[in-house]
C-alpha atoms as a PDB file:
ATOM      1  CA  UNK A   1      -0.142   0.226  -0.354  1.00  0.00           C
ATOM      2  CA  UNK A   2       2.959   2.490   0.761  1.00  0.00           C
ATOM      3  CA  UNK A   3       4.607   1.771  -2.123  1.00  0.00           C
ATOM      4  CA  UNK A   4       1.704   1.911  -4.373  1.00  0.00           C
ATOM      5  CA  UNK A   5       1.206   5.772  -2.547  1.00  0.00           C
ATOM      6  CA  UNK A   6       4.882   6.481  -3.747  1.00  0.00           C
ATOM      7  CA  UNK A   7       4.474   5.305  -6.909  1.00  0.00           C
ATOM      8  CA  UNK A   8       1.084   7.649  -7.255  1.00  0.00           C
ATOM      9  CA  UNK A   9       2.816  10.792  -6.148  1.00  0.00           C
ATOM     10  CA  UNK A  10       6.285   9.923  -8.201  1.00  0.00           C
ATOM     11  CA  UNK A  11       3.974   9.845 -10.985  1.00  0.00           C
ATOM     12  CA  UNK A  12       2.090  13.382  -9.794  1.00  0.00           C
ATOM     13  CA  UNK A  13       5.834  15.250  -9.251  1.00  0.00           C
ATOM     14  CA  UNK A  14       7.962  13.862 -12.148  1.00  0.00           C
ATOM     15  CA  UNK A  15       5.374  13.848 -14.858  1.00  0.00           C
ATOM     16  CA  UNK A  16       5.656  17.416 -15.321  1.00  0.00           C
ATOM     17  CA  UNK A  17       8.818  17.984 -14.293  1.00  0.00           C
ATOM     18  CA  UNK A  18       9.333  15.859 -17.097  1.00  0.00           C
ATOM     19  CA  UNK A  19       6.961  17.662 -19.364  1.00  0.00           C
ATOM     20  CA  UNK A  20       8.757  21.377 -18.830  1.00  0.00           C
ATOM     21  CA  UNK A  21      12.460  19.516 -18.822  1.00  0.00           C
ATOM     22  CA  UNK A  22      11.098  18.251 -23.131  1.00  0.00           C
ATOM     23  CA  UNK A  23       9.556  21.844 -23.754  1.00  0.00           C
ATOM     24  CA  UNK A  24      12.996  23.820 -22.469  1.00  0.00           C
ATOM     25  CA  UNK A  25      14.994  20.956 -24.084  1.00  0.00           C
ATOM     26  CA  UNK A  26      13.423  21.529 -27.263  1.00  0.00           C
ATOM     27  CA  UNK A  27      13.184  25.349 -27.152  1.00  0.00           C
ATOM     28  CA  UNK A  28      16.973  25.811 -26.052  1.00  0.00           C
ATOM     29  CA  UNK A  29      17.904  23.270 -29.150  1.00  0.00           C
ATOM     30  CA  UNK A  30      15.521  25.274 -31.771  1.00  0.00           C
ATOM     31  CA  UNK A  31      15.932  28.878 -30.755  1.00  0.00           C
ATOM     32  CA  UNK A  32      19.407  28.645 -31.922  1.00  0.00           C
ATOM     33  CA  UNK A  33      18.260  27.643 -35.516  1.00  0.00           C
ATOM     34  CA  UNK A  34      17.603  29.839 -37.685  1.00  0.00           C
ATOM     35  CA  UNK A  35      14.511  30.126 -39.606  1.00  0.00           C
ATOM     36  CA  UNK A  36      14.996  29.995 -43.802  1.00  0.00           C
ATOM     37  CA  UNK A  37      12.655  33.569 -43.800  1.00  0.00           C
ATOM     38  CA  UNK A  38      15.056  34.819 -40.799  1.00  0.00           C
ATOM     39  CA  UNK A  39      11.595  36.367 -40.249  1.00  0.00           C
ATOM     40  CA  UNK A  40      11.044  38.035 -36.663  1.00  0.00           C
ATOM     41  CA  UNK A  41       8.621  36.320 -34.340  1.00  0.00           C
ATOM     42  CA  UNK A  42       6.976  39.622 -33.892  1.00  0.00           C
ATOM     43  CA  UNK A  43       6.745  39.396 -37.672  1.00  0.00           C
ATOM     44  CA  UNK A  44       5.352  36.191 -37.971  1.00  0.00           C
ATOM     45  CA  UNK A  45       2.676  36.404 -36.157  1.00  0.00           C
ATOM     46  CA  UNK A  46       1.891  39.720 -38.031  1.00  0.00           C
ATOM     47  CA  UNK A  47       2.156  37.931 -41.006  1.00  0.00           C
ATOM     48  CA  UNK A  48      -0.286  35.629 -40.416  1.00  0.00           C
ATOM     49  CA  UNK A  49      -2.609  37.618 -38.774  1.00  0.00           C
ATOM     50  CA  UNK A  50      -2.642  40.287 -42.020  1.00  0.00           C
ATOM     51  CA  UNK A  51      -3.103  37.023 -44.238  1.00  0.00           C
ATOM     52  CA  UNK A  52      -6.060  35.495 -42.131  1.00  0.00           C
ATOM     53  CA  UNK A  53      -7.705  39.129 -42.519  1.00  0.00           C
ATOM     54  CA  UNK A  54      -6.974  40.732 -38.344  1.00  0.00           C
ATOM     55  CA  UNK A  55      -5.756  43.469 -38.652  1.00  0.00           C
ATOM     56  CA  UNK A  56      -7.179  44.463 -35.179  1.00  0.00           C
ATOM     57  CA  UNK A  57      -4.990  41.958 -33.338  1.00  0.00           C
ATOM     58  CA  UNK A  58      -1.884  43.394 -31.673  1.00  0.00           C
ATOM     59  CA  UNK A  59       1.535  41.451 -31.489  1.00  0.00           C
ATOM     60  CA  UNK A  60       3.055  42.867 -28.362  1.00  0.00           C
ATOM     61  CA  UNK A  61       6.373  41.488 -26.392  1.00  0.00           C
ATOM     62  CA  UNK A  62       5.743  40.992 -23.066  1.00  0.00           C
ATOM     63  CA  UNK A  63       8.213  39.810 -20.157  1.00  0.00           C
ATOM     64  CA  UNK A  64       9.447  36.364 -18.812  1.00  0.00           C
ATOM     65  CA  UNK A  65      10.753  33.710 -21.031  1.00  0.00           C
ATOM     66  CA  UNK A  66       8.189  31.616 -22.581  1.00  0.00           C
ATOM     67  CA  UNK A  67       5.148  33.061 -21.259  1.00  0.00           C
ATOM     68  CA  UNK A  68       3.569  33.378 -25.194  1.00  0.00           C
ATOM     69  CA  UNK A  69       0.095  33.881 -24.634  1.00  0.00           C
ATOM     70  CA  UNK A  70      -2.652  35.175 -26.761  1.00  0.00           C
ATOM     71  CA  UNK A  71      -5.305  37.056 -24.923  1.00  0.00           C
ATOM     72  CA  UNK A  72      -8.451  37.698 -25.926  1.00  0.00           C
ATOM     73  CA  UNK A  73     -10.161  40.499 -24.159  1.00  0.00           C
ATOM     74  CA  UNK A  74      -7.441  42.923 -25.272  1.00  0.00           C
ATOM     75  CA  UNK A  75      -6.879  40.687 -28.766  1.00  0.00           C
ATOM     76  CA  UNK A  76      -3.455  40.543 -28.391  1.00  0.00           C
ATOM     77  CA  UNK A  77      -0.530  37.881 -29.147  1.00  0.00           C
ATOM     78  CA  UNK A  78       1.602  38.988 -26.349  1.00  0.00           C
ATOM     79  CA  UNK A  79       5.528  37.164 -27.813  1.00  0.00           C
ATOM     80  CA  UNK A  80       8.493  36.461 -24.604  1.00  0.00           C
ATOM     81  CA  UNK A  81      10.951  39.160 -25.699  1.00  0.00           C
ATOM     82  CA  UNK A  82      13.182  35.954 -27.007  1.00  0.00           C
ATOM     83  CA  UNK A  83      10.578  34.761 -29.417  1.00  0.00           C
ATOM     84  CA  UNK A  84       9.569  38.424 -30.472  1.00  0.00           C
ATOM     85  CA  UNK A  85      13.135  39.569 -31.403  1.00  0.00           C
ATOM     86  CA  UNK A  86      14.043  35.639 -32.584  1.00  0.00           C
ATOM     87  CA  UNK A  87      14.142  34.484 -35.719  1.00  0.00           C
ATOM     88  CA  UNK A  88      14.408  31.692 -34.906  1.00  0.00           C
ATOM     89  CA  UNK A  89      12.590  28.019 -36.037  1.00  0.00           C
ATOM     90  CA  UNK A  90      11.478  28.138 -32.265  1.00  0.00           C
ATOM     91  CA  UNK A  91      10.203  32.047 -32.033  1.00  0.00           C
ATOM     92  CA  UNK A  92       8.433  31.439 -35.636  1.00  0.00           C
ATOM     93  CA  UNK A  93       6.629  27.961 -33.617  1.00  0.00           C
ATOM     94  CA  UNK A  94       5.985  29.809 -31.080  1.00  0.00           C
ATOM     95  CA  UNK A  95       4.534  33.181 -32.017  1.00  0.00           C
ATOM     96  CA  UNK A  96       2.319  30.975 -35.037  1.00  0.00           C
ATOM     97  CA  UNK A  97       1.212  28.960 -32.708  1.00  0.00           C
ATOM     98  CA  UNK A  98      -0.492  31.992 -30.544  1.00  0.00           C
ATOM     99  CA  UNK A  99      -2.103  33.237 -33.646  1.00  0.00           C
ATOM    100  CA  UNK A 100      -3.456  30.469 -33.639  1.00  0.00           C
ATOM    101  CA  UNK A 101      -5.965  30.918 -30.801  1.00  0.00           C
ATOM    102  CA  UNK A 102      -6.559  34.618 -32.526  1.00  0.00           C
ATOM    103  CA  UNK A 103      -7.400  32.708 -35.421  1.00  0.00           C
ATOM    104  CA  UNK A 104      -9.937  30.526 -32.943  1.00  0.00           C
ATOM    105  CA  UNK A 105     -10.795  33.469 -31.315  1.00  0.00           C
ATOM    106  CA  UNK A 106     -12.238  34.833 -34.907  1.00  0.00           C
ATOM    107  CA  UNK A 107     -13.825  31.620 -35.693  1.00  0.00           C
ATOM    108  CA  UNK A 108     -15.475  30.945 -32.237  1.00  0.00           C
ATOM    109  CA  UNK A 109     -14.004  27.564 -32.073  1.00  0.00           C
ATOM    110  CA  UNK A 110     -15.758  25.912 -30.095  1.00  0.00           C
ATOM    111  CA  UNK A 111     -13.714  24.415 -27.574  1.00  0.00           C
ATOM    112  CA  UNK A 112     -12.206  27.577 -26.754  1.00  0.00           C
ATOM    113  CA  UNK A 113     -15.759  28.863 -26.441  1.00  0.00           C
ATOM    114  CA  UNK A 114     -16.330  26.379 -23.680  1.00  0.00           C
ATOM    115  CA  UNK A 115     -12.945  27.249 -22.371  1.00  0.00           C
ATOM    116  CA  UNK A 116     -13.737  30.752 -21.802  1.00  0.00           C
ATOM    117  CA  UNK A 117     -17.036  30.015 -20.780  1.00  0.00           C
ATOM    118  CA  UNK A 118     -15.471  27.410 -17.366  1.00  0.00           C
ATOM    119  CA  UNK A 119     -12.946  30.174 -16.406  1.00  0.00           C
ATOM    120  CA  UNK A 120     -14.707  31.284 -13.446  1.00  0.00           C
ATOM    121  CA  UNK A 121     -15.997  27.994 -12.380  1.00  0.00           C
ATOM    122  CA  UNK A 122     -12.683  26.554 -12.622  1.00  0.00           C
ATOM    123  CA  UNK A 123     -10.745  29.551 -10.486  1.00  0.00           C
ATOM    124  CA  UNK A 124     -13.289  29.006  -8.262  1.00  0.00           C
ATOM    125  CA  UNK A 125     -13.152  24.876  -7.835  1.00  0.00           C
ATOM    126  CA  UNK A 126      -9.163  25.695  -7.798  1.00  0.00           C
ATOM    127  CA  UNK A 127      -9.798  28.072  -5.040  1.00  0.00           C
ATOM    128  CA  UNK A 128     -12.183  26.383  -2.858  1.00  0.00           C
ATOM    129  CA  UNK A 129     -12.272  22.404  -3.938  1.00  0.00           C
ATOM    130  CA  UNK A 130      -9.597  21.502  -1.400  1.00  0.00           C
ATOM    131  CA  UNK A 131     -10.740  23.587   1.405  1.00  0.00           C
ATOM    132  CA  UNK A 132     -14.066  21.349   1.587  1.00  0.00           C
ATOM    133  CA  UNK A 133     -11.888  18.492   0.599  1.00  0.00           C
ATOM    134  CA  UNK A 134      -9.921  18.846   3.308  1.00  0.00           C
ATOM    135  CA  UNK A 135     -12.246  19.805   6.408  1.00  0.00           C
ATOM    136  CA  UNK A 136     -14.332  16.687   4.529  1.00  0.00           C
ATOM    137  CA  UNK A 137     -11.678  14.010   5.211  1.00  0.00           C
ATOM    138  CA  UNK A 138     -10.233  15.175   8.632  1.00  0.00           C
ATOM    139  CA  UNK A 139     -14.161  15.419  10.157  1.00  0.00           C
ATOM    140  CA  UNK A 140     -15.206  12.524   8.480  1.00  0.00           C
ATOM    141  CA  UNK A 141     -18.137  13.818   6.153  1.00  0.00           C
ATOM    142  CA  UNK A 142     -18.082  12.600   3.109  1.00  0.00           C
ATOM    143  CA  UNK A 143     -20.784  15.164   1.719  1.00  0.00           C
ATOM    144  CA  UNK A 144     -18.043  17.466   2.260  1.00  0.00           C
ATOM    145  CA  UNK A 145     -15.722  15.672   0.323  1.00  0.00           C
ATOM    146  CA  UNK A 146     -18.428  14.971  -2.522  1.00  0.00           C
ATOM    147  CA  UNK A 147     -18.589  18.919  -2.729  1.00  0.00           C
ATOM    148  CA  UNK A 148     -14.456  19.797  -2.715  1.00  0.00           C
ATOM    149  CA  UNK A 149     -14.667  17.265  -5.574  1.00  0.00           C
ATOM    150  CA  UNK A 150     -17.459  18.401  -7.582  1.00  0.00           C
ATOM    151  CA  UNK A 151     -15.993  21.756  -7.477  1.00  0.00           C
ATOM    152  CA  UNK A 152     -12.220  20.079  -8.528  1.00  0.00           C
ATOM    153  CA  UNK A 153     -14.007  18.395 -12.054  1.00  0.00           C
ATOM    154  CA  UNK A 154     -14.671  21.405 -12.830  1.00  0.00           C
ATOM    155  CA  UNK A 155     -10.611  22.599 -12.726  1.00  0.00           C
ATOM    156  CA  UNK A 156     -10.278  18.953 -14.071  1.00  0.00           C
ATOM    157  CA  UNK A 157     -12.567  19.893 -16.737  1.00  0.00           C
ATOM    158  CA  UNK A 158     -11.092  22.841 -18.273  1.00  0.00           C
ATOM    159  CA  UNK A 159      -7.998  21.241 -18.111  1.00  0.00           C
ATOM    160  CA  UNK A 160      -9.237  18.204 -20.249  1.00  0.00           C
ATOM    161  CA  UNK A 161     -10.977  20.705 -22.424  1.00  0.00           C
ATOM    162  CA  UNK A 162      -7.419  22.888 -23.026  1.00  0.00           C
ATOM    163  CA  UNK A 163      -6.053  19.524 -25.068  1.00  0.00           C
ATOM    164  CA  UNK A 164      -8.459  20.337 -28.040  1.00  0.00           C
ATOM    165  CA  UNK A 165      -7.906  24.103 -27.800  1.00  0.00           C
ATOM    166  CA  UNK A 166      -4.199  23.740 -28.106  1.00  0.00           C
ATOM    167  CA  UNK A 167      -3.667  21.121 -30.719  1.00  0.00           C
ATOM    168  CA  UNK A 168      -5.980  22.701 -32.875  1.00  0.00           C
ATOM    169  CA  UNK A 169      -3.978  26.165 -32.407  1.00  0.00           C
ATOM    170  CA  UNK A 170      -0.682  23.896 -33.352  1.00  0.00           C
ATOM    171  CA  UNK A 171      -2.625  22.539 -36.110  1.00  0.00           C
ATOM    172  CA  UNK A 172      -3.296  26.193 -37.213  1.00  0.00           C
ATOM    173  CA  UNK A 173       0.376  27.147 -36.986  1.00  0.00           C
ATOM    174  CA  UNK A 174       1.566  24.293 -38.865  1.00  0.00           C
ATOM    175  CA  UNK A 175      -1.281  25.159 -41.759  1.00  0.00           C
ATOM    176  CA  UNK A 176       0.109  28.984 -41.296  1.00  0.00           C
ATOM    177  CA  UNK A 177       3.846  29.084 -41.545  1.00  0.00           C
ATOM    178  CA  UNK A 178       3.806  26.316 -44.205  1.00  0.00           C
ATOM    179  CA  UNK A 179       1.613  27.899 -46.897  1.00  0.00           C
ATOM    180  CA  UNK A 180       3.175  31.342 -45.835  1.00  0.00           C
ATOM    181  CA  UNK A 181       6.348  30.143 -46.532  1.00  0.00           C
ATOM    182  CA  UNK A 182       7.912  31.287 -43.386  1.00  0.00           C
ATOM    183  CA  UNK A 183       9.335  27.696 -43.108  1.00  0.00           C
ATOM    184  CA  UNK A 184      10.197  25.854 -45.147  1.00  0.00           C
ATOM    185  CA  UNK A 185       9.738  21.705 -45.720  1.00  0.00           C
ATOM    186  CA  UNK A 186      12.903  20.346 -44.354  1.00  0.00           C
ATOM    187  CA  UNK A 187      11.992  22.883 -41.080  1.00  0.00           C
ATOM    188  CA  UNK A 188       8.513  21.345 -40.432  1.00  0.00           C
ATOM    189  CA  UNK A 189       9.945  18.403 -38.465  1.00  0.00           C
ATOM    190  CA  UNK A 190      11.752  21.212 -36.326  1.00  0.00           C
ATOM    191  CA  UNK A 191       8.763  22.884 -35.864  1.00  0.00           C
ATOM    192  CA  UNK A 192       6.235  19.771 -35.208  1.00  0.00           C
ATOM    193  CA  UNK A 193       9.220  19.659 -31.987  1.00  0.00           C
ATOM    194  CA  UNK A 194       8.691  22.642 -31.232  1.00  0.00           C
ATOM    195  CA  UNK A 195       4.720  22.927 -31.014  1.00  0.00           C
ATOM    196  CA  UNK A 196       4.221  19.050 -29.322  1.00  0.00           C
ATOM    197  CA  UNK A 197       7.065  19.261 -26.840  1.00  0.00           C
ATOM    198  CA  UNK A 198       4.668  22.665 -25.401  1.00  0.00           C
ATOM    199  CA  UNK A 199       1.656  20.298 -25.962  1.00  0.00           C
ATOM    200  CA  UNK A 200       2.848  18.020 -23.422  1.00  0.00           C
ATOM    201  CA  UNK A 201       2.932  20.686 -20.596  1.00  0.00           C
ATOM    202  CA  UNK A 202      -0.641  20.457 -20.992  1.00  0.00           C
ATOM    203  CA  UNK A 203      -0.930  16.667 -21.558  1.00  0.00           C
ATOM    204  CA  UNK A 204       1.184  15.753 -18.584  1.00  0.00           C
ATOM    205  CA  UNK A 205      -1.482  18.910 -16.852  1.00  0.00           C
ATOM    206  CA  UNK A 206      -4.548  17.153 -17.364  1.00  0.00           C
ATOM    207  CA  UNK A 207      -2.900  13.324 -16.861  1.00  0.00           C
ATOM    208  CA  UNK A 208      -2.591  15.182 -12.820  1.00  0.00           C
ATOM    209  CA  UNK A 209      -5.549  16.258 -12.864  1.00  0.00           C
ATOM    210  CA  UNK A 210      -7.680  13.070 -14.046  1.00  0.00           C
ATOM    211  CA  UNK A 211      -5.442  10.928 -11.478  1.00  0.00           C
ATOM    212  CA  UNK A 212      -5.978  13.248  -8.605  1.00  0.00           C
ATOM    213  CA  UNK A 213     -10.046  13.350  -9.110  1.00  0.00           C
ATOM    214  CA  UNK A 214      -9.907   9.104  -9.562  1.00  0.00           C
ATOM    215  CA  UNK A 215      -8.022   9.366  -5.708  1.00  0.00           C
ATOM    216  CA  UNK A 216     -10.682  11.458  -4.313  1.00  0.00           C
ATOM    217  CA  UNK A 217     -13.467   9.855  -5.211  1.00  0.00           C
ATOM    218  CA  UNK A 218     -12.287   6.651  -3.924  1.00  0.00           C
ATOM    219  CA  UNK A 219     -10.943   8.052  -0.746  1.00  0.00           C
ATOM    220  CA  UNK A 220     -15.008   9.663  -0.825  1.00  0.00           C
ATOM    221  CA  UNK A 221     -16.517   5.930  -1.853  1.00  0.00           C
ATOM    222  CA  UNK A 222     -14.010   4.682   0.776  1.00  0.00           C
ATOM    223  CA  UNK A 223     -15.939   7.459   3.308  1.00  0.00           C
ATOM    224  CA  UNK A 224     -18.938   5.760   2.446  1.00  0.00           C
ATOM    225  CA  UNK A 225     -17.991   2.233   2.675  1.00  0.00           C
ATOM    226  CA  UNK A 226     -17.261   2.477   6.070  1.00  0.00           C
ATOM    227  CA  UNK A 227     -19.966   4.315   6.933  1.00  0.00           C
END
């Protein structure tokens, strides 16, 4: 029993770390490989946005490393400094991925809309779920644990819905950089490696969230059986 618990927590800790290391390794490697187009990440983002008629979406530099994201509220693609100014395959891949989210937003991609709708519920769940769960476990109140599980399930659903959003954005990114001539055919493999490594972090987060939810459901079931 103790060994299984140790294995469980090892998976919980090591899987996200492994995913992060894969991202950092791929990014470090391909940020040193210049793209054939020699376009900066900011130029890649701007070209793809304009090619898709998204003239109203801005491109800004933001602080941090791999802090790149698309802000649907301000309609802005924000790229970390290295990717904003960089001419690398990694910069092109990440810039085009974030623009993929902007295109999703413009086309009202269903999973993106659903994820946006889940944000307030997921935030509520992440803030309060463990409060109810811990009170329920220590006080042996199974209904309190169940309430916490319901709150946590909303956060888990958010993580799961994030997967198709991210994979779709990467698919759009590949289509755009190839069709726009931003990368050559022989650079597609390297670009996919960057995008796939980034996707691993979301897969790892979703897997860990689901695993933790299952564990809590088993605890709740066990409490009811004891009663």
